[in-house]
PDB file of N, CA and C in Angstrom:
ATOM      1  N   MET A   1      43.070  73.334   7.053  1.00  0.00           N
ATOM      2  CA  MET A   1      43.665  74.301   6.134  1.00  0.00           C
ATOM      3  C   MET A   1      44.965  74.803   6.764  1.00  0.00           C
ATOM      4  N   ILE A   2      46.038  74.710   6.007  1.00  0.00           N
ATOM      5  CA  ILE A   2      47.335  75.219   6.455  1.00  0.00           C
ATOM      6  C   ILE A   2      47.451  76.667   5.986  1.00  0.00           C
ATOM      7  N   LEU A   3      47.815  77.562   6.899  1.00  0.00           N
ATOM      8  CA  LEU A   3      47.982  78.984   6.587  1.00  0.00           C
ATOM      9  C   LEU A   3      49.405  79.393   6.931  1.00  0.00           C
ATOM     10  N   VAL A   4      50.144  79.905   5.935  1.00  0.00           N
ATOM     11  CA  VAL A   4      51.524  80.345   6.178  1.00  0.00           C
ATOM     12  C   VAL A   4      51.795  81.653   5.441  1.00  0.00           C
ATOM     13  N   ASN A   5      52.759  82.412   5.946  1.00  0.00           N
ATOM     14  CA  ASN A   5      53.119  83.662   5.268  1.00  0.00           C
ATOM     15  C   ASN A   5      54.386  83.507   4.433  1.00  0.00           C
ATOM     16  N   THR A   6      54.825  82.273   4.250  1.00  0.00           N
ATOM     17  CA  THR A   6      55.937  81.990   3.343  1.00  0.00           C
ATOM     18  C   THR A   6      55.359  81.553   1.996  1.00  0.00           C
ATOM     19  N   ASP A   7      56.199  81.492   0.961  1.00  0.00           N
ATOM     20  CA  ASP A   7      55.686  81.073  -0.342  1.00  0.00           C
ATOM     21  C   ASP A   7      55.886  79.571  -0.576  1.00  0.00           C
ATOM     22  N   TYR A   8      56.144  78.827   0.492  1.00  0.00           N
ATOM     23  CA  TYR A   8      56.324  77.379   0.412  1.00  0.00           C
ATOM     24  C   TYR A   8      55.856  76.746   1.725  1.00  0.00           C
ATOM     25  N   ILE A   9      55.667  75.444   1.687  1.00  0.00           N
ATOM     26  CA  ILE A   9      55.439  74.662   2.902  1.00  0.00           C
ATOM     27  C   ILE A   9      56.544  73.625   2.908  1.00  0.00           C
ATOM     28  N   SER A  10      57.368  73.656   3.921  1.00  0.00           N
ATOM     29  CA  SER A  10      58.552  72.816   3.989  1.00  0.00           C
ATOM     30  C   SER A  10      58.220  71.343   3.719  1.00  0.00           C
ATOM     31  N   GLY A  11      58.940  70.763   2.755  1.00  0.00           N
ATOM     32  CA  GLY A  11      58.793  69.358   2.432  1.00  0.00           C
ATOM     33  C   GLY A  11      57.613  69.007   1.549  1.00  0.00           C
ATOM     34  N   LYS A  12      56.854  70.005   1.104  1.00  0.00           N
ATOM     35  CA  LYS A  12      55.657  69.743   0.298  1.00  0.00           C
ATOM     36  C   LYS A  12      55.823  70.318  -1.106  1.00  0.00           C
ATOM     37  N   GLU A  13      55.311  69.578  -2.086  1.00  0.00           N
ATOM     38  CA  GLU A  13      55.251  70.086  -3.451  1.00  0.00           C
ATOM     39  C   GLU A  13      53.855  70.662  -3.650  1.00  0.00           C
ATOM     40  N   LEU A  14      53.785  71.888  -4.169  1.00  0.00           N
ATOM     41  CA  LEU A  14      52.518  72.608  -4.239  1.00  0.00           C
ATOM     42  C   LEU A  14      52.090  72.906  -5.667  1.00  0.00           C
ATOM     43  N   GLU A  15      50.784  72.848  -5.883  1.00  0.00           N
ATOM     44  CA  GLU A  15      50.183  73.292  -7.139  1.00  0.00           C
ATOM     45  C   GLU A  15      49.411  74.573  -6.829  1.00  0.00           C
ATOM     46  N   MET A  16      49.750  75.645  -7.514  1.00  0.00           N
ATOM     47  CA  MET A  16      49.098  76.932  -7.281  1.00  0.00           C
ATOM     48  C   MET A  16      47.704  76.930  -7.903  1.00  0.00           C
ATOM     49  N   LEU A  17      46.714  77.343  -7.125  1.00  0.00           N
ATOM     50  CA  LEU A  17      45.331  77.399  -7.610  1.00  0.00           C
ATOM     51  C   LEU A  17      44.887  78.818  -7.925  1.00  0.00           C
ATOM     52  N   GLY A  18      45.488  79.798  -7.252  1.00  0.00           N
ATOM     53  CA  GLY A  18      45.129  81.178  -7.544  1.00  0.00           C
ATOM     54  C   GLY A  18      45.008  82.034  -6.299  1.00  0.00           C
ATOM     55  N   LEU A  19      44.823  83.317  -6.542  1.00  0.00           N
ATOM     56  CA  LEU A  19      44.688  84.307  -5.477  1.00  0.00           C
ATOM     57  C   LEU A  19      43.348  84.136  -4.765  1.00  0.00           C
ATOM     58  N   VAL A  20      43.401  84.197  -3.434  1.00  0.00           N
ATOM     59  CA  VAL A  20      42.175  84.209  -2.629  1.00  0.00           C
ATOM     60  C   VAL A  20      42.248  85.389  -1.678  1.00  0.00           C
ATOM     61  N   LYS A  21      41.066  85.921  -1.332  1.00  0.00           N
ATOM     62  CA  LYS A  21      41.059  87.067  -0.434  1.00  0.00           C
ATOM     63  C   LYS A  21      39.770  87.077   0.367  1.00  0.00           C
ATOM     64  N   GLY A  22      39.828  87.802   1.461  1.00  0.00           N
ATOM     65  CA  GLY A  22      38.654  88.029   2.289  1.00  0.00           C
ATOM     66  C   GLY A  22      38.780  89.419   2.861  1.00  0.00           C
ATOM     67  N   SER A  23      37.655  90.109   3.008  1.00  0.00           N
ATOM     68  CA  SER A  23      37.727  91.457   3.551  1.00  0.00           C
ATOM     69  C   SER A  23      36.506  91.755   4.399  1.00  0.00           C
ATOM     70  N   THR A  24      36.618  92.791   5.200  1.00  0.00           N
ATOM     71  CA  THR A  24      35.510  93.275   6.005  1.00  0.00           C
ATOM     72  C   THR A  24      35.753  94.742   6.330  1.00  0.00           C
ATOM     73  N   ILE A  25      34.676  95.435   6.612  1.00  0.00           N
ATOM     74  CA  ILE A  25      34.768  96.804   7.130  1.00  0.00           C
ATOM     75  C   ILE A  25      34.092  96.786   8.485  1.00  0.00           C
ATOM     76  N   GLN A  26      34.821  97.206   9.500  1.00  0.00           N
ATOM     77  CA  GLN A  26      34.336  97.156  10.878  1.00  0.00           C
ATOM     78  C   GLN A  26      34.305  98.553  11.471  1.00  0.00           C
ATOM     79  N   SER A  27      33.388  98.754  12.410  1.00  0.00           N
ATOM     80  CA  SER A  27      33.358 100.008  13.163  1.00  0.00           C
ATOM     81  C   SER A  27      32.905  99.721  14.582  1.00  0.00           C
ATOM     82  N   LYS A  28      33.204 100.617  15.467  1.00  0.00           N
ATOM     83  CA  LYS A  28      32.730 100.546  16.850  1.00  0.00           C
ATOM     84  C   LYS A  28      31.555 101.485  16.996  1.00  0.00           C
ATOM     85  N   ASN A  29      30.769 101.303  18.049  1.00  0.00           N
ATOM     86  CA  ASN A  29      29.611 102.176  18.232  1.00  0.00           C
ATOM     87  C   ASN A  29      30.041 103.580  18.655  1.00  0.00           C
ATOM     88  N   VAL A  30      29.147 104.530  18.513  1.00  0.00           N
ATOM     89  CA  VAL A  30      29.456 105.944  18.755  1.00  0.00           C
ATOM     90  C   VAL A  30      29.948 106.175  20.181  1.00  0.00           C
ATOM     91  N   GLY A  31      29.328 105.523  21.164  1.00  0.00           N
ATOM     92  CA  GLY A  31      29.753 105.685  22.557  1.00  0.00           C
ATOM     93  C   GLY A  31      31.196 105.287  22.767  1.00  0.00           C
ATOM     94  N   ARG A  32      31.563 104.151  22.213  1.00  0.00           N
ATOM     95  CA  ARG A  32      32.955 103.696  22.332  1.00  0.00           C
ATOM     96  C   ARG A  32      33.890 104.622  21.569  1.00  0.00           C
ATOM     97  N   ASP A  33      33.440 105.117  20.424  1.00  0.00           N
ATOM     98  CA  ASP A  33      34.258 106.014  19.618  1.00  0.00           C
ATOM     99  C   ASP A  33      34.597 107.278  20.403  1.00  0.00           C
ATOM    100  N   ILE A  34      33.616 107.815  21.118  1.00  0.00           N
ATOM    101  CA  ILE A  34      33.841 109.017  21.924  1.00  0.00           C
ATOM    102  C   ILE A  34      34.829 108.730  23.046  1.00  0.00           C
ATOM    103  N   THR A  35      34.671 107.612  23.755  1.00  0.00           N
ATOM    104  CA  THR A  35      35.593 107.296  24.854  1.00  0.00           C
ATOM    105  C   THR A  35      37.008 107.045  24.336  1.00  0.00           C
ATOM    106  N   GLN A  36      37.120 106.427  23.162  1.00  0.00           N
ATOM    107  CA  GLN A  36      38.450 106.199  22.598  1.00  0.00           C
ATOM    108  C   GLN A  36      39.090 107.512  22.155  1.00  0.00           C
ATOM    109  N   SER A  37      38.279 108.455  21.671  1.00  0.00           N
ATOM    110  CA  SER A  37      38.802 109.768  21.296  1.00  0.00           C
ATOM    111  C   SER A  37      39.358 110.487  22.513  1.00  0.00           C
ATOM    112  N   LEU A  38      38.676 110.377  23.639  1.00  0.00           N
ATOM    113  CA  LEU A  38      39.166 110.999  24.875  1.00  0.00           C
ATOM    114  C   LEU A  38      40.463 110.348  25.336  1.00  0.00           C
ATOM    115  N   LYS A  39      40.607 109.053  25.110  1.00  0.00           N
ATOM    116  CA  LYS A  39      41.811 108.327  25.507  1.00  0.00           C
ATOM    117  C   LYS A  39      43.048 108.878  24.792  1.00  0.00           C
ATOM    118  N   THR A  40      42.866 109.412  23.583  1.00  0.00           N
ATOM    119  CA  THR A  40      44.011 109.948  22.846  1.00  0.00           C
ATOM    120  C   THR A  40      44.606 111.172  23.535  1.00  0.00           C
ATOM    121  N   LEU A  41      43.829 111.806  24.392  1.00  0.00           N
ATOM    122  CA  LEU A  41      44.343 112.974  25.120  1.00  0.00           C
ATOM    123  C   LEU A  41      45.386 112.589  26.159  1.00  0.00           C
ATOM    124  N   VAL A  42      45.225 111.409  26.757  1.00  0.00           N
ATOM    125  CA  VAL A  42      46.149 110.996  27.817  1.00  0.00           C
ATOM    126  C   VAL A  42      47.132 109.924  27.359  1.00  0.00           C
ATOM    127  N   GLY A  43      46.869 109.333  26.220  1.00  0.00           N
ATOM    128  CA  GLY A  43      47.772 108.322  25.689  1.00  0.00           C
ATOM    129  C   GLY A  43      47.434 106.932  26.198  1.00  0.00           C
ATOM    130  N   GLY A  44      48.068 105.946  25.631  1.00  0.00           N
ATOM    131  CA  GLY A  44      47.846 104.562  26.019  1.00  0.00           C
ATOM    132  C   GLY A  44      47.182 103.772  24.908  1.00  0.00           C
ATOM    133  N   GLU A  45      47.006 102.499  25.195  1.00  0.00           N
ATOM    134  CA  GLU A  45      46.410 101.587  24.215  1.00  0.00           C
ATOM    135  C   GLU A  45      44.920 101.853  24.062  1.00  0.00           C
ATOM    136  N   LEU A  46      44.458 101.862  22.832  1.00  0.00           N
ATOM    137  CA  LEU A  46      43.033 102.026  22.528  1.00  0.00           C
ATOM    138  C   LEU A  46      42.435 100.620  22.402  1.00  0.00           C
ATOM    139  N   LYS A  47      42.063 100.039  23.534  1.00  0.00           N
ATOM    140  CA  LYS A  47      41.661  98.635  23.584  1.00  0.00           C
ATOM    141  C   LYS A  47      40.450  98.328  22.715  1.00  0.00           C
ATOM    142  N   ALA A  48      39.481  99.229  22.663  1.00  0.00           N
ATOM    143  CA  ALA A  48      38.293  98.971  21.844  1.00  0.00           C
ATOM    144  C   ALA A  48      38.669  98.873  20.366  1.00  0.00           C
ATOM    145  N   TYR A  49      39.583  99.719  19.910  1.00  0.00           N
ATOM    146  CA  TYR A  49      40.018  99.652  18.513  1.00  0.00           C
ATOM    147  C   TYR A  49      40.889  98.421  18.270  1.00  0.00           C
ATOM    148  N   ASN A  50      41.689  98.057  19.249  1.00  0.00           N
ATOM    149  CA  ASN A  50      42.501  96.852  19.145  1.00  0.00           C
ATOM    150  C   ASN A  50      41.598  95.626  18.975  1.00  0.00           C
ATOM    151  N   GLU A  51      40.543  95.554  19.789  1.00  0.00           N
ATOM    152  CA  GLU A  51      39.577  94.460  19.672  1.00  0.00           C
ATOM    153  C   GLU A  51      38.900  94.479  18.303  1.00  0.00           C
ATOM    154  N   MET A  52      38.516  95.664  17.854  1.00  0.00           N
ATOM    155  CA  MET A  52      37.858  95.798  16.561  1.00  0.00           C
ATOM    156  C   MET A  52      38.759  95.266  15.444  1.00  0.00           C
ATOM    157  N   MET A  53      40.027  95.627  15.457  1.00  0.00           N
ATOM    158  CA  MET A  53      40.946  95.185  14.410  1.00  0.00           C
ATOM    159  C   MET A  53      41.207  93.685  14.486  1.00  0.00           C
ATOM    160  N   ASN A  54      41.305  93.132  15.707  1.00  0.00           N
ATOM    161  CA  ASN A  54      41.469  91.683  15.854  1.00  0.00           C
ATOM    162  C   ASN A  54      40.266  90.943  15.285  1.00  0.00           C
ATOM    163  N   GLU A  55      39.058  91.436  15.579  1.00  0.00           N
ATOM    164  CA  GLU A  55      37.838  90.835  15.031  1.00  0.00           C
ATOM    165  C   GLU A  55      37.818  90.938  13.508  1.00  0.00           C
ATOM    166  N   ALA A  56      38.225  92.079  12.986  1.00  0.00           N
ATOM    167  CA  ALA A  56      38.231  92.287  11.539  1.00  0.00           C
ATOM    168  C   ALA A  56      39.223  91.352  10.855  1.00  0.00           C
ATOM    169  N   ARG A  57      40.426  91.196  11.420  1.00  0.00           N
ATOM    170  CA  ARG A  57      41.423  90.287  10.833  1.00  0.00           C
ATOM    171  C   ARG A  57      40.913  88.851  10.845  1.00  0.00           C
ATOM    172  N   ALA A  58      40.275  88.452  11.958  1.00  0.00           N
ATOM    173  CA  ALA A  58      39.746  87.086  12.065  1.00  0.00           C
ATOM    174  C   ALA A  58      38.656  86.839  11.016  1.00  0.00           C
ATOM    175  N   LEU A  59      37.768  87.794  10.830  1.00  0.00           N
ATOM    176  CA  LEU A  59      36.688  87.643   9.850  1.00  0.00           C
ATOM    177  C   LEU A  59      37.235  87.639   8.425  1.00  0.00           C
ATOM    178  N   ALA A  60      38.195  88.509   8.132  1.00  0.00           N
ATOM    179  CA  ALA A  60      38.804  88.538   6.797  1.00  0.00           C
ATOM    180  C   ALA A  60      39.519  87.217   6.511  1.00  0.00           C
ATOM    181  N   THR A  61      40.212  86.681   7.515  1.00  0.00           N
ATOM    182  CA  THR A  61      40.905  85.397   7.358  1.00  0.00           C
ATOM    183  C   THR A  61      39.897  84.285   7.098  1.00  0.00           C
ATOM    184  N   LYS A  62      38.812  84.265   7.853  1.00  0.00           N
ATOM    185  CA  LYS A  62      37.761  83.250   7.674  1.00  0.00           C
ATOM    186  C   LYS A  62      37.206  83.296   6.254  1.00  0.00           C
ATOM    187  N   ARG A  63      36.939  84.477   5.753  1.00  0.00           N
ATOM    188  CA  ARG A  63      36.399  84.620   4.396  1.00  0.00           C
ATOM    189  C   ARG A  63      37.406  84.182   3.336  1.00  0.00           C
ATOM    190  N   MET A  64      38.697  84.464   3.565  1.00  0.00           N
ATOM    191  CA  MET A  64      39.745  84.034   2.647  1.00  0.00           C
ATOM    192  C   MET A  64      39.812  82.503   2.621  1.00  0.00           C
ATOM    193  N   VAL A  65      39.757  81.878   3.796  1.00  0.00           N
ATOM    194  CA  VAL A  65      39.801  80.414   3.888  1.00  0.00           C
ATOM    195  C   VAL A  65      38.594  79.798   3.174  1.00  0.00           C
ATOM    196  N   GLU A  66      37.418  80.374   3.344  1.00  0.00           N
ATOM    197  CA  GLU A  66      36.225  79.867   2.667  1.00  0.00           C
ATOM    198  C   GLU A  66      36.388  79.908   1.142  1.00  0.00           C
ATOM    199  N   GLU A  67      36.989  80.983   0.641  1.00  0.00           N
ATOM    200  CA  GLU A  67      37.226  81.091  -0.802  1.00  0.00           C
ATOM    201  C   GLU A  67      38.210  80.018  -1.265  1.00  0.00           C
ATOM    202  N   ALA A  68      39.253  79.770  -0.462  1.00  0.00           N
ATOM    203  CA  ALA A  68      40.245  78.745  -0.801  1.00  0.00           C
ATOM    204  C   ALA A  68      39.620  77.350  -0.771  1.00  0.00           C
ATOM    205  N   GLU A  69      38.772  77.087   0.220  1.00  0.00           N
ATOM    206  CA  GLU A  69      38.095  75.792   0.302  1.00  0.00           C
ATOM    207  C   GLU A  69      37.213  75.570  -0.921  1.00  0.00           C
ATOM    208  N   HIS A  70      36.586  76.617  -1.405  1.00  0.00           N
ATOM    209  CA  HIS A  70      35.743  76.536  -2.602  1.00  0.00           C
ATOM    210  C   HIS A  70      36.564  76.107  -3.825  1.00  0.00           C
ATOM    211  N   LEU A  71      37.840  76.480  -3.843  1.00  0.00           N
ATOM    212  CA  LEU A  71      38.738  76.089  -4.944  1.00  0.00           C
ATOM    213  C   LEU A  71      39.325  74.690  -4.745  1.00  0.00           C
ATOM    214  N   GLY A  72      39.083  74.078  -3.580  1.00  0.00           N
ATOM    215  CA  GLY A  72      39.648  72.765  -3.286  1.00  0.00           C
ATOM    216  C   GLY A  72      41.060  72.825  -2.738  1.00  0.00           C
ATOM    217  N   ALA A  73      41.444  73.936  -2.154  1.00  0.00           N
ATOM    218  CA  ALA A  73      42.809  74.124  -1.644  1.00  0.00           C
ATOM    219  C   ALA A  73      43.037  73.350  -0.344  1.00  0.00           C
ATOM    220  N   ASP A  74      44.288  72.961  -0.143  1.00  0.00           N
ATOM    221  CA  ASP A  74      44.724  72.351   1.107  1.00  0.00           C
ATOM    222  C   ASP A  74      45.381  73.389   2.017  1.00  0.00           C
ATOM    223  N   ALA A  75      45.842  74.487   1.416  1.00  0.00           N
ATOM    224  CA  ALA A  75      46.597  75.483   2.170  1.00  0.00           C
ATOM    225  C   ALA A  75      46.539  76.832   1.458  1.00  0.00           C
ATOM    226  N   ILE A  76      46.929  77.864   2.194  1.00  0.00           N
ATOM    227  CA  ILE A  76      47.115  79.193   1.613  1.00  0.00           C
ATOM    228  C   ILE A  76      48.520  79.643   1.992  1.00  0.00           C
ATOM    229  N   VAL A  77      49.302  80.003   0.987  1.00  0.00           N
ATOM    230  CA  VAL A  77      50.677  80.455   1.226  1.00  0.00           C
ATOM    231  C   VAL A  77      50.785  81.952   0.930  1.00  0.00           C
ATOM    232  N   ASN A  78      51.871  82.527   1.425  1.00  0.00           N
ATOM    233  CA  ASN A  78      52.184  83.937   1.173  1.00  0.00           C
ATOM    234  C   ASN A  78      51.050  84.872   1.626  1.00  0.00           C
ATOM    235  N   ILE A  79      50.492  84.583   2.807  1.00  0.00           N
ATOM    236  CA  ILE A  79      49.371  85.371   3.332  1.00  0.00           C
ATOM    237  C   ILE A  79      49.850  86.753   3.751  1.00  0.00           C
ATOM    238  N   ARG A  80      49.063  87.746   3.383  1.00  0.00           N
ATOM    239  CA  ARG A  80      49.332  89.135   3.747  1.00  0.00           C
ATOM    240  C   ARG A  80      48.043  89.784   4.236  1.00  0.00           C
ATOM    241  N   TYR A  81      48.198  90.822   5.046  1.00  0.00           N
ATOM    242  CA  TYR A  81      47.064  91.615   5.537  1.00  0.00           C
ATOM    243  C   TYR A  81      47.310  93.079   5.204  1.00  0.00           C
ATOM    244  N   ALA A  82      46.248  93.786   4.911  1.00  0.00           N
ATOM    245  CA  ALA A  82      46.325  95.231   4.697  1.00  0.00           C
ATOM    246  C   ALA A  82      45.092  95.849   5.341  1.00  0.00           C
ATOM    247  N   SER A  83      45.238  97.086   5.778  1.00  0.00           N
ATOM    248  CA  SER A  83      44.088  97.785   6.350  1.00  0.00           C
ATOM    249  C   SER A  83      44.126  99.235   5.923  1.00  0.00           C
ATOM    250  N   SER A  84      42.947  99.837   5.946  1.00  0.00           N
ATOM    251  CA  SER A  84      42.863 101.256   5.632  1.00  0.00           C
ATOM    252  C   SER A  84      41.677 101.846   6.373  1.00  0.00           C
ATOM    253  N   ALA A  85      41.812 103.102   6.745  1.00  0.00           N
ATOM    254  CA  ALA A  85      40.721 103.807   7.411  1.00  0.00           C
ATOM    255  C   ALA A  85      39.689 104.193   6.367  1.00  0.00           C
ATOM    256  N   ILE A  86      38.442 103.922   6.652  1.00  0.00           N
ATOM    257  CA  ILE A  86      37.352 104.280   5.755  1.00  0.00           C
ATOM    258  C   ILE A  86      36.761 105.619   6.190  1.00  0.00           C
ATOM    259  N   MET A  87      36.611 105.770   7.507  1.00  0.00           N
ATOM    260  CA  MET A  87      36.121 107.001   8.115  1.00  0.00           C
ATOM    261  C   MET A  87      36.500 106.951   9.591  1.00  0.00           C
ATOM    262  N   GLN A  88      36.239 107.978  10.335  1.00  0.00           N
ATOM    263  CA  GLN A  88      36.551 107.989  11.767  1.00  0.00           C
ATOM    264  C   GLN A  88      35.923 106.772  12.438  1.00  0.00           C
ATOM    265  N   GLY A  89      36.739 105.910  13.025  1.00  0.00           N
ATOM    266  CA  GLY A  89      36.223 104.766  13.768  1.00  0.00           C
ATOM    267  C   GLY A  89      35.858 103.558  12.934  1.00  0.00           C
ATOM    268  N   ALA A  90      36.155 103.565  11.634  1.00  0.00           N
ATOM    269  CA  ALA A  90      35.853 102.416  10.777  1.00  0.00           C
ATOM    270  C   ALA A  90      37.076 102.086   9.931  1.00  0.00           C
ATOM    271  N   ALA A  91      37.326 100.801   9.784  1.00  0.00           N
ATOM    272  CA  ALA A  91      38.492 100.374   9.021  1.00  0.00           C
ATOM    273  C   ALA A  91      38.153  99.166   8.164  1.00  0.00           C
ATOM    274  N   GLU A  92      38.786  99.092   7.007  1.00  0.00           N
ATOM    275  CA  GLU A  92      38.692  97.922   6.149  1.00  0.00           C
ATOM    276  C   GLU A  92      39.934  97.085   6.381  1.00  0.00           C
ATOM    277  N   VAL A  93      39.750  95.784   6.483  1.00  0.00           N
ATOM    278  CA  VAL A  93      40.863  94.854   6.579  1.00  0.00           C
ATOM    279  C   VAL A  93      40.699  93.841   5.463  1.00  0.00           C
ATOM    280  N   ILE A  94      41.795  93.569   4.755  1.00  0.00           N
ATOM    281  CA  ILE A  94      41.779  92.549   3.709  1.00  0.00           C
ATOM    282  C   ILE A  94      42.900  91.563   4.002  1.00  0.00           C
ATOM    283  N   ALA A  95      42.578  90.281   3.854  1.00  0.00           N
ATOM    284  CA  ALA A  95      43.561  89.204   3.956  1.00  0.00           C
ATOM    285  C   ALA A  95      43.639  88.572   2.574  1.00  0.00           C
ATOM    286  N   TYR A  96      44.846  88.293   2.094  1.00  0.00           N
ATOM    287  CA  TYR A  96      44.973  87.680   0.779  1.00  0.00           C
ATOM    288  C   TYR A  96      46.195  86.781   0.734  1.00  0.00           C
ATOM    289  N   GLY A  97      46.152  85.811  -0.156  1.00  0.00           N
ATOM    290  CA  GLY A  97      47.250  84.875  -0.308  1.00  0.00           C
ATOM    291  C   GLY A  97      47.016  84.018  -1.539  1.00  0.00           C
ATOM    292  N   THR A  98      47.840  82.991  -1.694  1.00  0.00           N
ATOM    293  CA  THR A  98      47.737  82.081  -2.826  1.00  0.00           C
ATOM    294  C   THR A  98      47.227  80.734  -2.342  1.00  0.00           C
ATOM    295  N   ALA A  99      46.094  80.311  -2.882  1.00  0.00           N
ATOM    296  CA  ALA A  99      45.541  78.999  -2.561  1.00  0.00           C
ATOM    297  C   ALA A  99      46.372  77.945  -3.286  1.00  0.00           C
ATOM    298  N   VAL A 100      46.681  76.861  -2.572  1.00  0.00           N
ATOM    299  CA  VAL A 100      47.493  75.795  -3.165  1.00  0.00           C
ATOM    300  C   VAL A 100      46.930  74.424  -2.803  1.00  0.00           C
ATOM    301  N   LYS A 101      47.236  73.470  -3.630  1.00  0.00           N
ATOM    302  CA  LYS A 101      46.926  72.070  -3.396  1.00  0.00           C
ATOM    303  C   LYS A 101      48.258  71.362  -3.154  1.00  0.00           C
ATOM    304  N   ILE A 102      48.316  70.538  -2.126  1.00  0.00           N
ATOM    305  CA  ILE A 102      49.530  69.765  -1.857  1.00  0.00           C
ATOM    306  C   ILE A 102      49.485  68.539  -2.772  1.00  0.00           C
ATOM    307  N   VAL A 103      50.502  68.414  -3.647  1.00  0.00           N
ATOM    308  CA  VAL A 103      50.508  67.329  -4.624  1.00  0.00           C
ATOM    309  C   VAL A 103      51.570  66.263  -4.351  1.00  0.00           C
ATOM    310  N   GLY A 104      52.416  66.495  -3.377  1.00  0.00           N
ATOM    311  CA  GLY A 104      53.435  65.502  -3.066  1.00  0.00           C
ATOM    312  C   GLY A 104      54.404  65.952  -2.014  1.00  0.00           C
ATOM    313  N   GLU A 105      55.325  65.067  -1.693  1.00  0.00           N
ATOM    314  CA  GLU A 105      56.376  65.332  -0.711  1.00  0.00           C
ATOM    315  C   GLU A 105      57.687  65.537  -1.451  1.00  0.00           C
ATOM    316  N   ARG A 106      58.544  66.321  -0.877  1.00  0.00           N
ATOM    317  CA  ARG A 106      59.878  66.503  -1.476  1.00  0.00           C
ATOM    318  C   ARG A 106      60.885  65.730  -0.699  1.00  0.00           C
TER     319      ARG A 106
END
């Protein structure tokens, strides 16, 4: 599966199949949440939250790809990510793009 954030794949003619998306809501455990809250007092990178968001993006991407494969897509173009806080220590991540079939060369 080819994944790009452009609306084309260089040298390829594409047939649009439709919007595909994948999402997840992730949270860290209470112990980690407390330690990360304390970290905000001194500043610096919140590594546990960084890991959580990386895991969430990977899972959302995987789910988006599975939806595209179900449509028979060869690629997903114009991929975008969005996130929002659901509650303290929990975030939703959504990945979305356009599933396409490669129909020829240009």
